[in-house]
PDB file of N, CA and C in Angstrom:
ATOM      1  N   MET A   1     104.818  74.095 -25.448  1.00  0.00           N
ATOM      2  CA  MET A   1     106.143  74.585 -25.119  1.00  0.00           C
ATOM      3  C   MET A   1     106.035  75.532 -23.940  1.00  0.00           C
ATOM      4  N   ILE A   2     107.010  75.451 -23.018  1.00  0.00           N
ATOM      5  CA  ILE A   2     107.018  76.295 -21.838  1.00  0.00           C
ATOM      6  C   ILE A   2     107.875  77.513 -22.122  1.00  0.00           C
ATOM      7  N   GLY A   3     107.335  78.699 -21.870  1.00  0.00           N
ATOM      8  CA  GLY A   3     108.127  79.919 -21.990  1.00  0.00           C
ATOM      9  C   GLY A   3     108.408  80.302 -23.418  1.00  0.00           C
ATOM     10  N   ASP A   4     109.313  81.227 -23.567  1.00  0.00           N
ATOM     11  CA  ASP A   4     109.677  81.796 -24.842  1.00  0.00           C
ATOM     12  C   ASP A   4     111.160  81.534 -25.039  1.00  0.00           C
ATOM     13  N   ILE A   5     111.500  80.525 -25.825  1.00  0.00           N
ATOM     14  CA  ILE A   5     112.902  80.148 -25.987  1.00  0.00           C
ATOM     15  C   ILE A   5     113.488  80.846 -27.208  1.00  0.00           C
ATOM     16  N   LYS A   6     114.643  81.476 -27.001  1.00  0.00           N
ATOM     17  CA  LYS A   6     115.354  82.131 -28.091  1.00  0.00           C
ATOM     18  C   LYS A   6     116.568  81.273 -28.411  1.00  0.00           C
ATOM     19  N   THR A   7     116.725  80.906 -29.666  1.00  0.00           N
ATOM     20  CA  THR A   7     117.829  80.014 -30.023  1.00  0.00           C
ATOM     21  C   THR A   7     118.907  80.792 -30.758  1.00  0.00           C
ATOM     22  N   LYS A   8     119.992  81.131 -30.054  1.00  0.00           N
ATOM     23  CA  LYS A   8     121.141  81.802 -30.637  1.00  0.00           C
ATOM     24  C   LYS A   8     122.416  81.185 -30.103  1.00  0.00           C
ATOM     25  N   SER A   9     122.335  80.039 -29.487  1.00  0.00           N
ATOM     26  CA  SER A   9     123.481  79.562 -28.735  1.00  0.00           C
ATOM     27  C   SER A   9     123.720  78.080 -28.903  1.00  0.00           C
ATOM     28  N   LYS A  10     124.813  77.636 -28.300  1.00  0.00           N
ATOM     29  CA  LYS A  10     125.145  76.220 -28.266  1.00  0.00           C
ATOM     30  C   LYS A  10     124.270  75.481 -27.269  1.00  0.00           C
ATOM     31  N   ALA A  11     123.869  76.160 -26.184  1.00  0.00           N
ATOM     32  CA  ALA A  11     123.067  75.532 -25.134  1.00  0.00           C
ATOM     33  C   ALA A  11     121.807  76.356 -24.915  1.00  0.00           C
ATOM     34  N   THR A  12     120.651  75.717 -25.004  1.00  0.00           N
ATOM     35  CA  THR A  12     119.393  76.402 -24.788  1.00  0.00           C
ATOM     36  C   THR A  12     118.628  75.678 -23.694  1.00  0.00           C
ATOM     37  N   LEU A  13     118.053  76.419 -22.756  1.00  0.00           N
ATOM     38  CA  LEU A  13     117.314  75.838 -21.644  1.00  0.00           C
ATOM     39  C   LEU A  13     115.831  76.094 -21.823  1.00  0.00           C
ATOM     40  N   VAL A  14     114.996  75.284 -21.171  1.00  0.00           N
ATOM     41  CA  VAL A  14     113.546  75.438 -21.247  1.00  0.00           C
ATOM     42  C   VAL A  14     113.143  76.665 -20.440  1.00  0.00           C
ATOM     43  N   GLY A  15     112.118  77.385 -20.900  1.00  0.00           N
ATOM     44  CA  GLY A  15     111.641  78.571 -20.199  1.00  0.00           C
ATOM     45  C   GLY A  15     112.118  79.808 -20.920  1.00  0.00           C
ATOM     46  N   ASP A  16     112.079  80.930 -20.246  1.00  0.00           N
ATOM     47  CA  ASP A  16     112.480  82.206 -20.830  1.00  0.00           C
ATOM     48  C   ASP A  16     113.947  82.460 -20.511  1.00  0.00           C
ATOM     49  N   ILE A  17     114.806  81.510 -20.912  1.00  0.00           N
ATOM     50  CA  ILE A  17     116.235  81.590 -20.605  1.00  0.00           C
ATOM     51  C   ILE A  17     117.013  81.400 -21.898  1.00  0.00           C
ATOM     52  N   LEU A  18     117.987  82.240 -22.107  1.00  0.00           N
ATOM     53  CA  LEU A  18     118.851  82.128 -23.281  1.00  0.00           C
ATOM     54  C   LEU A  18     120.290  82.081 -22.795  1.00  0.00           C
ATOM     55  N   THR A  19     121.030  81.084 -23.226  1.00  0.00           N
ATOM     56  CA  THR A  19     122.454  81.047 -22.902  1.00  0.00           C
ATOM     57  C   THR A  19     123.224  81.239 -24.188  1.00  0.00           C
ATOM     58  N   LYS A  20     124.190  82.132 -24.182  1.00  0.00           N
ATOM     59  CA  LYS A  20     124.969  82.410 -25.383  1.00  0.00           C
ATOM     60  C   LYS A  20     126.088  81.408 -25.559  1.00  0.00           C
ATOM     61  N   SER A  21     126.515  80.792 -24.494  1.00  0.00           N
ATOM     62  CA  SER A  21     127.443  79.669 -24.527  1.00  0.00           C
ATOM     63  C   SER A  21     127.351  79.006 -23.169  1.00  0.00           C
ATOM     64  N   VAL A  22     127.977  77.879 -23.003  1.00  0.00           N
ATOM     65  CA  VAL A  22     127.867  77.158 -21.740  1.00  0.00           C
ATOM     66  C   VAL A  22     128.327  78.027 -20.580  1.00  0.00           C
ATOM     67  N   LEU A  23     129.397  78.800 -20.741  1.00  0.00           N
ATOM     68  CA  LEU A  23     129.897  79.649 -19.667  1.00  0.00           C
ATOM     69  C   LEU A  23     129.733  81.135 -19.988  1.00  0.00           C
ATOM     70  N   GLY A  24     128.874  81.459 -20.940  1.00  0.00           N
ATOM     71  CA  GLY A  24     128.725  82.846 -21.352  1.00  0.00           C
ATOM     72  C   GLY A  24     127.604  83.553 -20.634  1.00  0.00           C
ATOM     73  N   ASP A  25     127.052  84.558 -21.305  1.00  0.00           N
ATOM     74  CA  ASP A  25     125.982  85.356 -20.730  1.00  0.00           C
ATOM     75  C   ASP A  25     124.708  84.535 -20.613  1.00  0.00           C
ATOM     76  N   VAL A  26     123.905  84.824 -19.590  1.00  0.00           N
ATOM     77  CA  VAL A  26     122.626  84.154 -19.405  1.00  0.00           C
ATOM     78  C   VAL A  26     121.547  85.207 -19.281  1.00  0.00           C
ATOM     79  N   GLU A  27     120.503  85.077 -20.087  1.00  0.00           N
ATOM     80  CA  GLU A  27     119.386  86.004 -20.018  1.00  0.00           C
ATOM     81  C   GLU A  27     118.232  85.312 -19.318  1.00  0.00           C
ATOM     82  N   VAL A  28     117.770  85.881 -18.200  1.00  0.00           N
ATOM     83  CA  VAL A  28     116.645  85.345 -17.446  1.00  0.00           C
ATOM     84  C   VAL A  28     115.600  86.443 -17.403  1.00  0.00           C
ATOM     85  N   GLY A  29     114.493  86.238 -18.097  1.00  0.00           N
ATOM     86  CA  GLY A  29     113.506  87.313 -18.198  1.00  0.00           C
ATOM     87  C   GLY A  29     114.150  88.489 -18.898  1.00  0.00           C
ATOM     88  N   LYS A  30     114.196  89.634 -18.246  1.00  0.00           N
ATOM     89  CA  LYS A  30     114.805  90.834 -18.821  1.00  0.00           C
ATOM     90  C   LYS A  30     116.164  91.142 -18.202  1.00  0.00           C
ATOM     91  N   VAL A  31     116.709  90.246 -17.369  1.00  0.00           N
ATOM     92  CA  VAL A  31     117.996  90.459 -16.709  1.00  0.00           C
ATOM     93  C   VAL A  31     119.063  89.645 -17.418  1.00  0.00           C
ATOM     94  N   VAL A  32     120.173  90.248 -17.741  1.00  0.00           N
ATOM     95  CA  VAL A  32     121.284  89.542 -18.362  1.00  0.00           C
ATOM     96  C   VAL A  32     122.425  89.488 -17.359  1.00  0.00           C
ATOM     97  N   ILE A  33     122.887  88.277 -17.078  1.00  0.00           N
ATOM     98  CA  ILE A  33     124.018  88.091 -16.179  1.00  0.00           C
ATOM     99  C   ILE A  33     125.235  87.842 -17.043  1.00  0.00           C
ATOM    100  N   LYS A  34     126.217  88.694 -16.942  1.00  0.00           N
ATOM    101  CA  LYS A  34     127.437  88.565 -17.735  1.00  0.00           C
ATOM    102  C   LYS A  34     128.462  87.805 -16.911  1.00  0.00           C
ATOM    103  N   HIS A  35     128.707  86.558 -17.299  1.00  0.00           N
ATOM    104  CA  HIS A  35     129.607  85.685 -16.553  1.00  0.00           C
ATOM    105  C   HIS A  35     130.999  86.285 -16.450  1.00  0.00           C
ATOM    106  N   ASP A  36     131.485  86.903 -17.503  1.00  0.00           N
ATOM    107  CA  ASP A  36     132.846  87.453 -17.510  1.00  0.00           C
ATOM    108  C   ASP A  36     133.011  88.602 -16.518  1.00  0.00           C
ATOM    109  N   GLU A  37     131.934  89.324 -16.224  1.00  0.00           N
ATOM    110  CA  GLU A  37     132.013  90.499 -15.366  1.00  0.00           C
ATOM    111  C   GLU A  37     131.779  90.174 -13.889  1.00  0.00           C
ATOM    112  N   ALA A  38     131.360  88.973 -13.568  1.00  0.00           N
ATOM    113  CA  ALA A  38     131.075  88.616 -12.185  1.00  0.00           C
ATOM    114  C   ALA A  38     132.373  88.419 -11.406  1.00  0.00           C
ATOM    115  N   ASP A  39     132.345  88.848 -10.136  1.00  0.00           N
ATOM    116  CA  ASP A  39     133.492  88.622  -9.261  1.00  0.00           C
ATOM    117  C   ASP A  39     133.506  87.173  -8.806  1.00  0.00           C
ATOM    118  N   ASP A  40     134.687  86.687  -8.453  1.00  0.00           N
ATOM    119  CA  ASP A  40     134.809  85.338  -7.912  1.00  0.00           C
ATOM    120  C   ASP A  40     134.263  85.320  -6.488  1.00  0.00           C
ATOM    121  N   TYR A  41     133.584  84.236  -6.125  1.00  0.00           N
ATOM    122  CA  TYR A  41     133.120  84.035  -4.750  1.00  0.00           C
ATOM    123  C   TYR A  41     134.307  83.578  -3.927  1.00  0.00           C
ATOM    124  N   GLU A  42     134.565  84.234  -2.802  1.00  0.00           N
ATOM    125  CA  GLU A  42     135.721  83.912  -1.973  1.00  0.00           C
ATOM    126  C   GLU A  42     135.331  83.409  -0.587  1.00  0.00           C
ATOM    127  N   GLY A  43     134.047  83.106  -0.380  1.00  0.00           N
ATOM    128  CA  GLY A  43     133.598  82.653   0.932  1.00  0.00           C
ATOM    129  C   GLY A  43     133.715  81.156   1.117  1.00  0.00           C
ATOM    130  N   GLU A  44     133.070  80.674   2.169  1.00  0.00           N
ATOM    131  CA  GLU A  44     133.072  79.253   2.496  1.00  0.00           C
ATOM    132  C   GLU A  44     132.241  78.467   1.489  1.00  0.00           C
ATOM    133  N   TYR A  45     132.652  77.236   1.223  1.00  0.00           N
ATOM    134  CA  TYR A  45     131.900  76.349   0.353  1.00  0.00           C
ATOM    135  C   TYR A  45     131.255  75.214   1.142  1.00  0.00           C
ATOM    136  N   THR A  46     131.558  75.123   2.440  1.00  0.00           N
ATOM    137  CA  THR A  46     130.988  74.098   3.297  1.00  0.00           C
ATOM    138  C   THR A  46     130.278  74.782   4.450  1.00  0.00           C
ATOM    139  N   VAL A  47     129.008  74.408   4.667  1.00  0.00           N
ATOM    140  CA  VAL A  47     128.194  75.038   5.699  1.00  0.00           C
ATOM    141  C   VAL A  47     127.581  73.969   6.593  1.00  0.00           C
ATOM    142  N   THR A  48     127.643  74.177   7.900  1.00  0.00           N
ATOM    143  CA  THR A  48     126.954  73.315   8.851  1.00  0.00           C
ATOM    144  C   THR A  48     125.786  74.104   9.412  1.00  0.00           C
ATOM    145  N   PRO A  49     124.564  73.589   9.332  1.00  0.00           N
ATOM    146  CA  PRO A  49     123.407  74.313   9.871  1.00  0.00           C
ATOM    147  C   PRO A  49     123.616  74.650  11.349  1.00  0.00           C
ATOM    148  N   SER A  50     123.080  75.779  11.765  1.00  0.00           N
ATOM    149  CA  SER A  50     123.169  76.180  13.161  1.00  0.00           C
ATOM    150  C   SER A  50     121.863  76.847  13.564  1.00  0.00           C
ATOM    151  N   CYS A  51     121.772  77.250  14.821  1.00  0.00           N
ATOM    152  CA  CYS A  51     120.570  77.932  15.313  1.00  0.00           C
ATOM    153  C   CYS A  51     120.488  79.359  14.800  1.00  0.00           C
ATOM    154  N   GLU A  52     121.608  79.894  14.367  1.00  0.00           N
ATOM    155  CA  GLU A  52     121.653  81.252  13.820  1.00  0.00           C
ATOM    156  C   GLU A  52     121.533  81.182  12.305  1.00  0.00           C
ATOM    157  N   SER A  53     120.886  82.181  11.715  1.00  0.00           N
ATOM    158  CA  SER A  53     120.797  82.199  10.253  1.00  0.00           C
ATOM    159  C   SER A  53     122.179  82.482   9.668  1.00  0.00           C
ATOM    160  N   GLN A  54     122.397  81.985   8.472  1.00  0.00           N
ATOM    161  CA  GLN A  54     123.673  82.167   7.795  1.00  0.00           C
ATOM    162  C   GLN A  54     123.399  82.591   6.361  1.00  0.00           C
ATOM    163  N   ILE A  55     124.227  83.453   5.844  1.00  0.00           N
ATOM    164  CA  ILE A  55     124.099  83.881   4.455  1.00  0.00           C
ATOM    165  C   ILE A  55     125.437  83.668   3.766  1.00  0.00           C
ATOM    166  N   LEU A  56     125.403  82.963   2.659  1.00  0.00           N
ATOM    167  CA  LEU A  56     126.579  82.847   1.804  1.00  0.00           C
ATOM    168  C   LEU A  56     126.401  83.914   0.735  1.00  0.00           C
ATOM    169  N   GLU A  57     127.274  84.871   0.689  1.00  0.00           N
ATOM    170  CA  GLU A  57     127.105  86.001  -0.218  1.00  0.00           C
ATOM    171  C   GLU A  57     127.550  85.618  -1.625  1.00  0.00           C
ATOM    172  N   THR A  58     126.691  84.847  -2.307  1.00  0.00           N
ATOM    173  CA  THR A  58     126.994  84.313  -3.629  1.00  0.00           C
ATOM    174  C   THR A  58     126.290  85.057  -4.757  1.00  0.00           C
ATOM    175  N   ALA A  59     125.421  86.000  -4.436  1.00  0.00           N
ATOM    176  CA  ALA A  59     124.674  86.709  -5.477  1.00  0.00           C
ATOM    177  C   ALA A  59     125.626  87.389  -6.453  1.00  0.00           C
ATOM    178  N   ASN A  60     125.404  87.155  -7.735  1.00  0.00           N
ATOM    179  CA  ASN A  60     126.195  87.749  -8.815  1.00  0.00           C
ATOM    180  C   ASN A  60     127.688  87.424  -8.716  1.00  0.00           C
ATOM    181  N   LYS A  61     128.018  86.233  -8.213  1.00  0.00           N
ATOM    182  CA  LYS A  61     129.407  85.791  -8.085  1.00  0.00           C
ATOM    183  C   LYS A  61     129.614  84.523  -8.904  1.00  0.00           C
ATOM    184  N   LYS A  62     130.854  84.290  -9.312  1.00  0.00           N
ATOM    185  CA  LYS A  62     131.226  83.040  -9.976  1.00  0.00           C
ATOM    186  C   LYS A  62     131.708  82.085  -8.891  1.00  0.00           C
ATOM    187  N   LEU A  63     131.125  80.893  -8.842  1.00  0.00           N
ATOM    188  CA  LEU A  63     131.543  79.888  -7.876  1.00  0.00           C
ATOM    189  C   LEU A  63     132.457  78.886  -8.563  1.00  0.00           C
ATOM    190  N   ALA A  64     133.517  78.482  -7.860  1.00  0.00           N
ATOM    191  CA  ALA A  64     134.476  77.533  -8.411  1.00  0.00           C
ATOM    192  C   ALA A  64     134.057  76.100  -8.138  1.00  0.00           C
ATOM    193  N   ASP A  65     133.131  75.890  -7.202  1.00  0.00           N
ATOM    194  CA  ASP A  65     132.756  74.544  -6.793  1.00  0.00           C
ATOM    195  C   ASP A  65     131.323  74.566  -6.270  1.00  0.00           C
ATOM    196  N   ASP A  66     130.776  73.393  -5.985  1.00  0.00           N
ATOM    197  CA  ASP A  66     129.455  73.297  -5.375  1.00  0.00           C
ATOM    198  C   ASP A  66     129.532  73.718  -3.916  1.00  0.00           C
ATOM    199  N   VAL A  67     128.427  74.249  -3.392  1.00  0.00           N
ATOM    200  CA  VAL A  67     128.323  74.543  -1.969  1.00  0.00           C
ATOM    201  C   VAL A  67     127.804  73.280  -1.295  1.00  0.00           C
ATOM    202  N   GLU A  68     128.482  72.834  -0.242  1.00  0.00           N
ATOM    203  CA  GLU A  68     128.069  71.638   0.497  1.00  0.00           C
ATOM    204  C   GLU A  68     127.401  72.073   1.794  1.00  0.00           C
ATOM    205  N   ILE A  69     126.175  71.606   2.018  1.00  0.00           N
ATOM    206  CA  ILE A  69     125.472  71.860   3.267  1.00  0.00           C
ATOM    207  C   ILE A  69     125.497  70.560   4.044  1.00  0.00           C
ATOM    208  N   LYS A  70     126.208  70.575   5.158  1.00  0.00           N
ATOM    209  CA  LYS A  70     126.371  69.367   5.953  1.00  0.00           C
ATOM    210  C   LYS A  70     125.073  69.016   6.681  1.00  0.00           C
ATOM    211  N   ALA A  71     125.008  67.791   7.164  1.00  0.00           N
ATOM    212  CA  ALA A  71     123.853  67.340   7.945  1.00  0.00           C
ATOM    213  C   ALA A  71     123.810  68.089   9.270  1.00  0.00           C
ATOM    214  N   ILE A  72     122.616  68.232   9.816  1.00  0.00           N
ATOM    215  CA  ILE A  72     122.459  68.837  11.135  1.00  0.00           C
ATOM    216  C   ILE A  72     123.116  67.912  12.149  1.00  0.00           C
ATOM    217  N   PRO A  73     123.965  68.451  13.038  1.00  0.00           N
ATOM    218  CA  PRO A  73     124.620  67.597  14.038  1.00  0.00           C
ATOM    219  C   PRO A  73     123.583  66.817  14.869  1.00  0.00           C
ATOM    220  N   TYR A  74     123.872  65.550  15.094  1.00  0.00           N
ATOM    221  CA  TYR A  74     122.944  64.646  15.765  1.00  0.00           C
ATOM    222  C   TYR A  74     123.754  63.744  16.691  1.00  0.00           C
ATOM    223  N   TYR A  75     123.356  63.695  17.942  1.00  0.00           N
ATOM    224  CA  TYR A  75     124.048  62.846  18.923  1.00  0.00           C
ATOM    225  C   TYR A  75     123.025  61.954  19.610  1.00  0.00           C
ATOM    226  N   ASP A  76     123.372  60.699  19.764  1.00  0.00           N
ATOM    227  CA  ASP A  76     122.507  59.692  20.386  1.00  0.00           C
ATOM    228  C   ASP A  76     123.297  59.107  21.560  1.00  0.00           C
ATOM    229  N   VAL A  77     122.807  59.319  22.789  1.00  0.00           N
ATOM    230  CA  VAL A  77     123.539  58.897  23.976  1.00  0.00           C
ATOM    231  C   VAL A  77     122.690  57.924  24.786  1.00  0.00           C
ATOM    232  N   ALA A  78     123.278  56.777  25.098  1.00  0.00           N
ATOM    233  CA  ALA A  78     122.586  55.802  25.950  1.00  0.00           C
ATOM    234  C   ALA A  78     122.736  56.239  27.408  1.00  0.00           C
ATOM    235  N   ASN A  79     121.656  56.051  28.196  1.00  0.00           N
ATOM    236  CA  ASN A  79     121.730  56.339  29.616  1.00  0.00           C
ATOM    237  C   ASN A  79     120.845  55.348  30.366  1.00  0.00           C
ATOM    238  N   GLU A  80     120.731  55.485  31.669  1.00  0.00           N
ATOM    239  CA  GLU A  80     119.984  54.510  32.471  1.00  0.00           C
ATOM    240  C   GLU A  80     118.497  54.464  32.133  1.00  0.00           C
ATOM    241  N   TYR A  81     117.960  55.490  31.475  1.00  0.00           N
ATOM    242  CA  TYR A  81     116.533  55.529  31.137  1.00  0.00           C
ATOM    243  C   TYR A  81     116.268  55.141  29.677  1.00  0.00           C
ATOM    244  N   GLY A  82     117.294  54.863  28.947  1.00  0.00           N
ATOM    245  CA  GLY A  82     117.152  54.517  27.524  1.00  0.00           C
ATOM    246  C   GLY A  82     118.145  55.298  26.695  1.00  0.00           C
ATOM    247  N   ARG A  83     117.643  56.183  25.867  1.00  0.00           N
ATOM    248  CA  ARG A  83     118.505  56.994  25.005  1.00  0.00           C
ATOM    249  C   ARG A  83     118.061  58.444  25.053  1.00  0.00           C
ATOM    250  N   THR A  84     119.043  59.327  24.926  1.00  0.00           N
ATOM    251  CA  THR A  84     118.774  60.750  24.788  1.00  0.00           C
ATOM    252  C   THR A  84     119.333  61.172  23.441  1.00  0.00           C
ATOM    253  N   ILE A  85     118.541  61.903  22.686  1.00  0.00           N
ATOM    254  CA  ILE A  85     118.955  62.345  21.354  1.00  0.00           C
ATOM    255  C   ILE A  85     119.086  63.858  21.378  1.00  0.00           C
ATOM    256  N   TYR A  86     120.221  64.342  20.931  1.00  0.00           N
ATOM    257  CA  TYR A  86     120.465  65.779  20.804  1.00  0.00           C
ATOM    258  C   TYR A  86     120.525  66.101  19.319  1.00  0.00           C
ATOM    259  N   ILE A  87     119.705  67.045  18.896  1.00  0.00           N
ATOM    260  CA  ILE A  87     119.697  67.469  17.500  1.00  0.00           C
ATOM    261  C   ILE A  87     120.172  68.900  17.442  1.00  0.00           C
ATOM    262  N   GLY A  88     121.213  69.139  16.692  1.00  0.00           N
ATOM    263  CA  GLY A  88     121.716  70.481  16.518  1.00  0.00           C
ATOM    264  C   GLY A  88     122.837  70.865  17.462  1.00  0.00           C
ATOM    265  N   GLY A  89     123.149  70.038  18.422  1.00  0.00           N
ATOM    266  CA  GLY A  89     124.245  70.366  19.344  1.00  0.00           C
ATOM    267  C   GLY A  89     124.387  69.319  20.412  1.00  0.00           C
ATOM    268  N   GLU A  90     125.489  69.403  21.108  1.00  0.00           N
ATOM    269  CA  GLU A  90     125.750  68.451  22.180  1.00  0.00           C
ATOM    270  C   GLU A  90     125.659  69.190  23.506  1.00  0.00           C
ATOM    271  N   VAL A  91     124.983  68.588  24.486  1.00  0.00           N
ATOM    272  CA  VAL A  91     124.816  69.240  25.796  1.00  0.00           C
ATOM    273  C   VAL A  91     125.779  68.621  26.776  1.00  0.00           C
TER     274      VAL A  91
END
């Protein structure tokens, strides 16, 4: 068996994790995250990679949906020498 599983709930995960209900408190190691007390995440849910670093401030927040990370922009242009490929932006 992996970790130390405590069974007091409807949903139990492998490892040292205890869930009191599907949407309730979660204990990870010695940290308890109280779902009811977390603020709602109000930022973007869709991200396009860029040359600059980006942070989605989701720590200790309740998310209403999945975060979507889009593909890196890619452009393929035919020219007299063959093809030119631009990754990450268009020139």
